[in-house]
N, C-alpha and C. Protein backbone atom coordinates (compact mmCIF):
# COMPACT_ATOMS: atom_id res chain seq x y z
N MET A 1 0.99 -0.81 -0.21
CA MET A 1 0.11 -0.04 -0.12
C MET A 1 1.07 1.54 0.11
N LYS A 2 0.34 2.15 -0.88
CA LYS A 2 1.56 3.70 -0.48
C LYS A 2 0.75 4.26 0.31
N ASP A 3 1.87 5.52 0.28
CA ASP A 3 1.69 6.36 1.59
C ASP A 3 0.29 7.09 1.26
N VAL A 4 -0.59 6.91 2.26
CA VAL A 4 -1.74 7.92 2.54
C VAL A 4 -1.31 8.98 2.38
N ILE A 5 -1.96 10.08 1.64
CA ILE A 5 -2.25 11.67 1.52
C ILE A 5 -3.09 12.08 1.89
N VAL A 6 -4.43 11.67 1.71
CA VAL A 6 -5.73 12.00 2.14
C VAL A 6 -6.68 10.73 3.01
N GLU A 7 -6.27 11.72 4.29
CA GLU A 7 -7.45 10.51 5.57
C GLU A 7 -8.54 11.91 6.31
N LEU A 8 -9.64 10.70 6.26
CA LEU A 8 -10.69 10.80 6.96
C LEU A 8 -11.07 10.14 7.89
N HIS A 9 -11.37 10.45 8.76
CA HIS A 9 -11.09 9.95 10.30
C HIS A 9 -12.79 10.27 11.21
N ASP A 10 -13.79 9.56 10.79
CA ASP A 10 -15.00 9.89 11.64
C ASP A 10 -15.47 10.92 11.40
N VAL A 11 -16.00 11.76 10.17
CA VAL A 11 -15.93 12.66 9.81
C VAL A 11 -17.63 12.66 9.85
N PHE A 12 -18.14 14.07 10.48
CA PHE A 12 -19.28 14.50 10.81
C PHE A 12 -19.57 15.71 9.98
N CYS A 13 -20.29 16.00 8.89
CA CYS A 13 -20.95 17.05 8.75
C CYS A 13 -22.58 17.44 8.76
N VAL A 14 -22.97 18.15 9.10
CA VAL A 14 -23.85 18.83 9.90
C VAL A 14 -24.85 20.12 9.16
N HIS A 15 -25.56 20.05 8.17
CA HIS A 15 -26.16 21.49 7.58
C HIS A 15 -27.10 22.04 8.49
N ARG A 16 -27.28 22.94 8.78
CA ARG A 16 -28.72 23.90 9.46
C ARG A 16 -29.38 24.24 8.44
N THR A 17 -31.34 23.55 8.10
CA THR A 17 -31.84 24.11 7.49
C THR A 17 -32.66 24.81 8.09
N GLY A 18 -33.61 25.20 7.70
CA GLY A 18 -35.13 25.79 7.98
C GLY A 18 -36.05 25.03 8.96
N GLN A 19 -35.66 23.70 8.49
CA GLN A 19 -36.50 22.41 8.76
C GLN A 19 -35.30 21.73 9.85
N GLY A 20 -34.80 22.10 10.10
CA GLY A 20 -33.90 21.25 11.31
C GLY A 20 -32.51 21.22 10.77
N ASP A 21 -31.63 20.04 10.87
CA ASP A 21 -30.45 19.95 10.95
C ASP A 21 -30.21 18.71 9.99
N ALA A 22 -29.88 18.31 9.19
CA ALA A 22 -29.71 17.68 7.99
C ALA A 22 -27.83 16.96 8.10
N ALA A 23 -27.83 15.78 8.19
CA ALA A 23 -26.23 15.70 8.30
C ALA A 23 -26.23 14.49 6.94
N ALA A 24 -25.09 15.42 6.38
CA ALA A 24 -24.66 15.05 5.14
C ALA A 24 -23.15 13.84 5.28
N LEU A 25 -22.63 14.14 5.86
CA LEU A 25 -21.50 12.39 6.77
C LEU A 25 -22.02 12.68 7.94
N GLN A 26 -22.01 10.61 8.10
CA GLN A 26 -22.15 10.83 9.18
C GLN A 26 -20.85 9.55 9.49
N GLY A 27 -19.63 10.08 10.52
CA GLY A 27 -18.83 9.17 10.58
C GLY A 27 -17.87 8.66 8.89
N ALA A 28 -17.67 9.47 8.51
CA ALA A 28 -17.63 9.13 7.17
C ALA A 28 -15.59 8.92 7.27
N GLU A 29 -15.09 7.94 6.58
CA GLU A 29 -13.73 6.94 6.58
C GLU A 29 -13.12 7.41 5.02
N LEU A 30 -12.03 7.93 4.83
CA LEU A 30 -11.40 7.74 3.57
C LEU A 30 -9.61 7.82 4.00
N TYR A 31 -9.78 6.95 3.46
CA TYR A 31 -8.07 6.89 3.31
C TYR A 31 -7.51 6.58 1.78
N ALA A 32 -6.77 8.16 1.18
CA ALA A 32 -6.76 7.68 -0.61
C ALA A 32 -5.05 7.68 -0.59
N SER A 33 -4.23 7.08 -0.97
CA SER A 33 -2.81 6.58 -1.30
C SER A 33 -2.69 7.72 -2.59
N SER A 34 -1.52 7.75 -2.72
CA SER A 34 -0.70 8.84 -3.58
C SER A 34 -1.20 7.62 -5.25
N GLY A 35 -1.44 8.21 -6.07
CA GLY A 35 -1.72 7.69 -7.66
C GLY A 35 -2.73 6.80 -7.29
N GLU A 36 -4.14 7.13 -6.52
CA GLU A 36 -4.83 6.05 -6.66
C GLU A 36 -6.10 6.83 -7.04
N VAL A 37 -7.05 6.52 -7.73
CA VAL A 37 -8.13 7.01 -8.65
C VAL A 37 -9.44 6.32 -7.58
N LEU A 38 -9.87 7.12 -7.13
CA LEU A 38 -11.02 6.99 -6.47
C LEU A 38 -12.72 7.77 -7.01
N CYS A 39 -13.65 6.83 -7.32
CA CYS A 39 -14.75 8.07 -7.84
C CYS A 39 -16.43 7.44 -6.22
N VAL A 40 -16.85 8.73 -6.48
CA VAL A 40 -17.81 8.91 -5.59
C VAL A 40 -19.10 8.82 -5.88
N LEU A 41 -19.97 7.61 -5.56
CA LEU A 41 -21.26 7.39 -6.28
C LEU A 41 -22.06 7.49 -5.02
N GLY A 42 -23.75 7.68 -5.24
CA GLY A 42 -24.41 7.95 -4.64
C GLY A 42 -25.47 8.83 -4.89
N PRO A 43 -26.65 8.39 -4.33
CA PRO A 43 -28.07 9.04 -5.06
C PRO A 43 -27.69 10.50 -4.25
N SER A 44 -28.60 11.30 -4.59
CA SER A 44 -28.69 13.09 -4.94
C SER A 44 -29.16 13.05 -3.08
N GLY A 45 -28.21 13.97 -2.58
CA GLY A 45 -28.34 14.07 -1.02
C GLY A 45 -27.22 12.62 0.01
N ALA A 46 -26.96 12.46 -0.53
CA ALA A 46 -26.16 11.01 -0.19
C ALA A 46 -24.66 11.55 0.88
N GLY A 47 -24.33 12.93 0.06
CA GLY A 47 -23.19 13.54 1.24
C GLY A 47 -21.74 13.56 0.01
N LYS A 48 -22.29 13.43 -1.38
CA LYS A 48 -21.13 13.46 -2.07
C LYS A 48 -20.09 14.97 -2.12
N SER A 49 -20.75 15.49 -2.59
CA SER A 49 -20.47 17.02 -2.75
C SER A 49 -19.44 17.50 -1.26
N THR A 50 -20.57 17.25 -0.31
CA THR A 50 -20.23 17.72 1.06
C THR A 50 -18.45 17.02 1.23
N LEU A 51 -18.66 15.69 1.18
CA LEU A 51 -17.27 14.97 1.13
C LEU A 51 -16.14 15.55 -0.09
N LEU A 52 -16.44 15.98 -0.90
CA LEU A 52 -15.17 16.56 -2.07
C LEU A 52 -14.79 18.05 -0.98
N ARG A 53 -15.68 18.92 -0.79
CA ARG A 53 -15.56 19.88 -0.64
C ARG A 53 -14.83 20.24 1.09
N VAL A 54 -15.11 19.11 1.67
CA VAL A 54 -14.43 18.75 2.92
C VAL A 54 -12.99 18.20 2.55
N ILE A 55 -12.52 17.55 1.86
CA ILE A 55 -11.31 17.20 1.19
C ILE A 55 -10.19 18.06 0.69
N CYS A 56 -11.44 19.13 -0.09
CA CYS A 56 -10.59 20.33 -0.74
C CYS A 56 -9.98 21.25 0.58
N GLY A 57 -11.02 21.30 1.55
CA GLY A 57 -10.72 22.46 2.18
C GLY A 57 -11.56 23.35 2.12
N LEU A 58 -12.51 23.44 1.43
CA LEU A 58 -13.43 24.35 1.50
C LEU A 58 -14.64 24.11 2.15
N GLN A 59 -14.37 23.26 3.24
CA GLN A 59 -15.99 23.30 4.25
C GLN A 59 -15.20 21.89 5.22
N THR A 60 -15.48 23.10 6.32
CA THR A 60 -14.79 23.00 7.69
C THR A 60 -15.93 21.53 8.47
N PRO A 61 -15.47 20.04 8.79
CA PRO A 61 -16.67 19.22 9.16
C PRO A 61 -16.79 19.80 10.50
N SER A 62 -18.09 19.35 10.99
CA SER A 62 -18.66 19.40 12.33
C SER A 62 -17.72 18.53 12.95
N ALA A 63 -17.62 17.26 13.06
CA ALA A 63 -16.54 16.74 14.15
C ALA A 63 -16.03 15.62 12.76
N GLY A 64 -14.66 15.48 13.60
CA GLY A 64 -13.82 14.36 12.91
C GLY A 64 -12.46 15.08 12.74
N THR A 65 -11.48 14.24 11.82
CA THR A 65 -10.71 14.86 11.68
C THR A 65 -10.14 14.65 9.93
N VAL A 66 -9.71 15.81 9.34
CA VAL A 66 -9.46 15.56 7.88
C VAL A 66 -7.69 16.12 7.71
N ARG A 67 -7.16 15.06 6.93
CA ARG A 67 -5.46 15.29 7.08
C ARG A 67 -5.32 15.06 5.47
N VAL A 68 -4.56 16.10 5.05
CA VAL A 68 -4.36 16.24 3.53
C VAL A 68 -2.98 16.95 3.39
N ILE A 69 -2.07 15.69 3.09
CA ILE A 69 -0.39 16.06 3.03
C ILE A 69 0.00 17.71 2.54
N GLY A 70 -0.36 17.76 1.16
CA GLY A 70 -0.40 18.72 0.45
C GLY A 70 -0.45 20.17 1.18
N ARG A 71 -1.53 20.31 1.47
CA ARG A 71 -2.61 21.37 2.16
C ARG A 71 -1.53 21.77 3.47
N GLU A 72 -0.79 20.66 4.51
CA GLU A 72 -0.19 21.06 5.72
C GLU A 72 0.99 21.68 5.34
N LEU A 73 1.66 21.10 4.74
CA LEU A 73 3.28 21.46 4.30
C LEU A 73 3.30 22.72 3.38
N MET A 74 1.54 23.07 2.50
CA MET A 74 2.30 24.19 2.18
C MET A 74 1.62 25.45 3.51
N VAL A 75 0.99 24.89 3.92
CA VAL A 75 0.86 26.07 5.42
C VAL A 75 1.79 26.49 6.35
N GLY A 76 2.55 24.85 6.59
CA GLY A 76 4.24 24.80 7.21
C GLY A 76 4.50 26.21 6.40
N PHE A 77 4.91 25.77 4.83
CA PHE A 77 6.04 26.53 4.56
C PHE A 77 5.72 28.45 4.63
N VAL A 78 4.33 28.39 4.10
CA VAL A 78 3.99 29.75 4.59
C VAL A 78 4.30 30.46 5.83
N ASN A 79 3.70 29.47 6.79
CA ASN A 79 4.28 30.34 8.13
C ASN A 79 5.56 30.06 8.16
N GLY A 80 6.39 29.08 7.67
CA GLY A 80 8.06 29.58 8.21
C GLY A 80 8.53 30.50 7.38
N LEU A 81 7.82 30.89 6.08
CA LEU A 81 8.06 32.34 5.69
C LEU A 81 8.25 33.44 6.50
N ALA A 82 6.82 33.75 6.71
CA ALA A 82 6.08 34.43 7.92
C ALA A 82 7.29 34.78 8.84
N PHE A 83 7.25 33.65 9.53
CA PHE A 83 8.07 33.53 10.82
C PHE A 83 9.86 33.61 10.55
N ALA A 84 10.22 33.23 9.53
CA ALA A 84 11.71 33.42 9.16
C ALA A 84 11.75 35.00 8.20
N VAL A 85 10.91 35.81 8.41
CA VAL A 85 10.85 37.17 7.95
C VAL A 85 11.28 38.06 9.37
N ILE A 86 10.02 37.84 10.34
CA ILE A 86 9.73 38.24 11.37
C ILE A 86 11.42 38.00 12.53
N THR A 87 11.71 36.94 12.96
CA THR A 87 12.67 36.41 13.14
C THR A 87 13.80 36.93 12.98
N GLY A 88 14.54 36.93 11.31
CA GLY A 88 15.56 37.33 11.11
C GLY A 88 15.49 38.98 11.09
N VAL A 89 14.78 39.67 10.36
CA VAL A 89 14.30 41.17 10.48
C VAL A 89 15.27 41.64 12.42
N ALA A 90 13.95 40.51 13.19
CA ALA A 90 14.18 40.80 14.87
C ALA A 90 15.65 40.58 15.21
N ALA A 91 16.53 39.63 14.82
CA ALA A 91 17.75 39.33 14.89
C ALA A 91 18.84 40.40 14.55
N PHE A 92 18.17 40.58 13.10
CA PHE A 92 19.05 41.60 12.47
C PHE A 92 18.86 43.08 12.64
N ALA A 93 17.97 43.42 13.60
CA ALA A 93 18.16 44.66 14.40
C ALA A 93 18.66 44.29 15.69
N TRP A 94 18.49 43.38 16.10
CA TRP A 94 19.00 43.21 17.45
C TRP A 94 20.76 43.13 17.89
N PHE A 95 20.94 42.24 17.13
CA PHE A 95 22.38 42.20 16.67
C PHE A 95 23.38 42.86 16.02
N LYS A 96 22.39 43.76 14.76
CA LYS A 96 23.19 44.06 13.70
C LYS A 96 23.99 43.35 13.11
N THR A 97 23.95 42.12 12.83
CA THR A 97 24.68 41.57 11.90
C THR A 97 23.63 40.43 11.04
N PRO A 98 23.82 41.26 9.51
CA PRO A 98 22.71 40.22 8.52
C PRO A 98 22.44 39.28 8.62
N GLY A 99 23.99 38.18 8.30
CA GLY A 99 24.10 37.12 8.12
C GLY A 99 23.72 36.37 9.38
N LEU A 100 23.32 36.76 10.36
CA LEU A 100 22.57 36.05 11.63
C LEU A 100 21.06 35.85 11.02
N GLY A 101 20.21 37.39 11.06
CA GLY A 101 19.06 37.19 10.42
C GLY A 101 18.69 36.11 9.46
N VAL A 102 19.19 35.59 8.59
CA VAL A 102 19.19 34.90 7.54
C VAL A 102 19.24 34.03 7.83
N VAL A 103 20.88 33.53 9.03
CA VAL A 103 20.64 32.15 9.54
C VAL A 103 19.30 31.92 10.25
N ILE A 104 18.84 32.59 11.04
CA ILE A 104 17.72 31.90 12.04
C ILE A 104 16.20 32.12 11.24
N GLY A 105 16.37 32.83 10.04
CA GLY A 105 15.28 32.80 9.26
C GLY A 105 14.98 31.23 8.56
N LEU A 106 15.89 31.03 8.07
CA LEU A 106 16.16 29.86 7.15
C LEU A 106 16.07 28.71 8.01
N ALA A 107 16.33 28.83 9.76
CA ALA A 107 15.94 27.67 10.76
C ALA A 107 14.58 27.34 10.82
N MET A 108 14.43 28.95 11.12
CA MET A 108 12.98 28.91 11.31
C MET A 108 12.06 28.11 9.90
N LEU A 109 12.10 28.42 9.18
CA LEU A 109 11.58 27.90 7.63
C LEU A 109 11.78 26.41 7.74
N CYS A 110 12.92 25.89 7.88
CA CYS A 110 13.23 24.63 7.73
C CYS A 110 12.34 23.84 9.09
N ASN A 111 12.57 24.41 10.35
CA ASN A 111 11.74 24.05 11.13
C ASN A 111 10.13 24.07 11.61
N LEU A 112 9.48 25.05 10.59
CA LEU A 112 8.38 24.76 10.21
C LEU A 112 7.53 23.96 9.26
N VAL A 113 8.15 24.00 8.47
CA VAL A 113 8.86 22.37 7.47
C VAL A 113 8.28 21.56 7.64
N ALA A 114 9.47 21.12 8.83
CA ALA A 114 9.26 19.99 9.51
C ALA A 114 8.27 19.96 10.61
N ALA A 115 7.73 20.95 11.28
CA ALA A 115 6.73 20.36 11.87
C ALA A 115 5.62 20.08 11.23
N ALA A 116 5.20 20.64 10.13
CA ALA A 116 4.20 20.48 9.61
C ALA A 116 4.33 19.10 8.77
N LEU A 117 5.31 18.72 8.08
CA LEU A 117 5.31 17.50 7.80
C LEU A 117 5.38 16.38 8.94
N GLY A 118 5.85 16.40 10.23
CA GLY A 118 5.67 15.53 11.50
C GLY A 118 4.39 15.61 11.67
N GLY A 119 3.31 16.91 11.42
CA GLY A 119 2.60 16.83 12.44
C GLY A 119 1.58 16.10 11.13
N VAL A 120 1.82 15.54 9.97
CA VAL A 120 0.78 14.78 9.02
C VAL A 120 1.38 13.20 9.08
N LEU A 121 2.89 13.09 9.61
CA LEU A 121 2.78 11.64 9.55
C LEU A 121 3.07 10.95 10.06
N ILE A 122 3.75 11.68 11.46
CA ILE A 122 4.02 11.09 12.63
C ILE A 122 2.16 10.72 12.87
N PRO A 123 1.57 10.82 13.00
CA PRO A 123 -0.26 10.53 13.33
C PRO A 123 -0.76 9.40 12.65
N LEU A 124 -0.53 9.20 11.38
CA LEU A 124 -0.25 8.17 10.12
C LEU A 124 0.12 6.92 10.05
N ALA A 125 1.56 7.57 10.55
CA ALA A 125 2.05 6.23 11.23
C ALA A 125 2.03 5.44 11.98
N LEU A 126 1.90 6.16 13.48
CA LEU A 126 1.26 5.61 14.05
C LEU A 126 -0.23 4.97 14.07
N HIS A 127 -1.02 5.44 13.62
CA HIS A 127 -2.38 4.64 13.20
C HIS A 127 -1.46 3.90 12.55
N ARG A 128 -0.75 3.55 11.36
CA ARG A 128 -0.76 2.60 10.46
C ARG A 128 0.11 1.49 11.37
N LEU A 129 0.57 1.50 12.60
CA LEU A 129 1.37 0.94 13.18
C LEU A 129 0.17 0.57 14.78
N ARG A 130 -1.11 0.98 14.38
CA ARG A 130 -1.87 0.63 15.15
C ARG A 130 -1.37 1.29 16.69
N PHE A 131 -1.03 2.58 16.98
CA PHE A 131 -1.21 3.02 18.04
C PHE A 131 -1.97 4.10 17.72
N ASP A 132 -2.67 4.51 19.12
CA ASP A 132 -3.53 5.78 19.30
C ASP A 132 -2.70 6.90 18.97
N PRO A 133 -3.13 7.40 17.96
CA PRO A 133 -2.42 8.95 17.75
C PRO A 133 -2.22 10.13 18.48
N ALA A 134 -3.30 10.00 18.88
CA ALA A 134 -4.24 11.44 19.73
C ALA A 134 -3.27 11.32 21.05
N VAL A 135 -2.85 9.80 21.56
CA VAL A 135 -2.00 9.81 22.72
C VAL A 135 0.00 9.94 22.52
N ALA A 136 0.09 9.34 21.48
CA ALA A 136 1.70 9.42 21.84
C ALA A 136 2.37 10.18 20.12
N SER A 137 1.29 11.09 19.54
CA SER A 137 1.69 11.84 18.85
C SER A 137 2.48 13.23 19.18
N SER A 138 2.24 13.72 20.12
CA SER A 138 3.12 15.30 20.48
C SER A 138 4.32 14.94 21.17
N ALA A 139 4.67 14.03 21.59
CA ALA A 139 6.12 13.94 22.19
C ALA A 139 6.75 13.75 21.43
N LEU A 140 6.38 12.90 20.51
CA LEU A 140 7.12 12.96 19.19
C LEU A 140 7.40 13.84 17.68
N ILE A 141 6.05 14.87 17.50
CA ILE A 141 5.85 15.57 17.29
C ILE A 141 6.82 16.95 17.81
N THR A 142 7.21 17.01 18.98
CA THR A 142 8.13 17.99 19.67
C THR A 142 9.31 17.66 19.83
N THR A 143 9.81 15.73 19.90
CA THR A 143 11.05 15.94 19.42
C THR A 143 11.28 16.21 18.24
N VAL A 144 10.65 15.93 17.05
CA VAL A 144 11.09 16.38 15.74
C VAL A 144 11.51 17.49 15.43
N THR A 145 10.56 18.56 16.19
CA THR A 145 11.06 20.41 15.55
C THR A 145 12.03 20.66 16.63
N ASP A 146 12.11 20.38 18.06
CA ASP A 146 13.56 19.86 18.90
C ASP A 146 14.71 19.89 17.89
N VAL A 147 14.89 18.51 17.41
CA VAL A 147 15.40 18.16 17.02
C VAL A 147 16.43 19.23 15.74
N VAL A 148 15.27 19.13 14.70
CA VAL A 148 15.34 19.66 13.26
C VAL A 148 15.99 21.54 13.58
N GLY A 149 15.02 21.93 14.85
CA GLY A 149 15.55 23.49 15.02
C GLY A 149 16.81 23.41 15.48
N PHE A 150 17.53 22.77 16.69
CA PHE A 150 18.89 22.77 17.12
C PHE A 150 19.52 22.42 15.39
N PHE A 151 19.97 21.40 14.79
CA PHE A 151 20.33 21.11 14.01
C PHE A 151 20.24 22.17 12.37
N SER A 152 19.05 22.30 12.41
CA SER A 152 18.86 23.50 10.94
C SER A 152 19.98 24.53 11.70
N PHE A 153 19.61 24.47 12.73
CA PHE A 153 20.14 26.28 13.12
C PHE A 153 21.87 25.63 12.96
N LEU A 154 22.27 25.15 13.52
CA LEU A 154 24.14 24.93 13.74
C LEU A 154 24.69 24.91 12.61
N ALA A 155 23.70 23.88 11.65
CA ALA A 155 24.35 23.18 10.14
C ALA A 155 24.39 24.59 9.53
N ILE A 156 23.33 25.58 9.56
CA ILE A 156 23.41 26.92 8.26
C ILE A 156 24.01 27.68 8.85
N ALA A 157 24.03 27.78 10.19
CA ALA A 157 25.20 28.83 10.70
C ALA A 157 26.52 28.62 10.38
N SER A 158 26.81 26.91 11.00
CA SER A 158 28.51 26.41 10.13
C SER A 158 28.73 27.02 8.77
N LEU A 159 27.30 26.46 7.91
CA LEU A 159 27.55 27.00 6.16
C LEU A 159 28.18 27.97 5.93
N TRP A 160 26.49 28.91 6.43
CA TRP A 160 27.17 30.30 6.32
C TRP A 160 28.43 31.58 7.02
N PHE A 161 28.69 31.08 8.05
CA PHE A 161 29.62 31.74 8.91
C PHE A 161 31.39 31.09 8.42
N GLY A 162 30.83 30.13 7.44
CA GLY A 162 32.22 29.15 6.88
C GLY A 162 32.93 28.53 8.18
N LEU A 163 32.03 27.89 8.62
CA LEU A 163 32.83 27.06 10.46
C LEU A 163 32.71 25.49 10.21
N ALA A 164 32.28 25.19 8.96
CA ALA A 164 32.35 23.99 8.89
C ALA A 164 33.99 23.21 8.73
């Protein structure tokens, strides 16, 4: 089995209407792997469009978990870029060393991309190994971000300042 790139676990979507609540998805489960072709079939009102909107991130489910690796990586990259600029400028302003601002910014970018990847892949791996991701993920993700942050800062600083 290829790596799962889209995961829906116990997803519920309830639409509020003038006539009451209508459940479009009730406990939906989906695990789609890279290269898989999926077909969504069902009668009118079965929740096909809702399912696709949830997968694309256009609709937030009422309950459950949706994980999409590409979207998580993009958010990690954008957050990393934003924090890299902020911390890089702050480091430059504080220490008056432009190189240090660049090093801190690049290390921050690496760390937040690693956090996004770890936040997706670690729970998926734990689920595959039949461990409860809700219990075990946080310590592992924290370890990944600590280790990547520390070593990326030291490695980038060594290369940037010619200390290697």
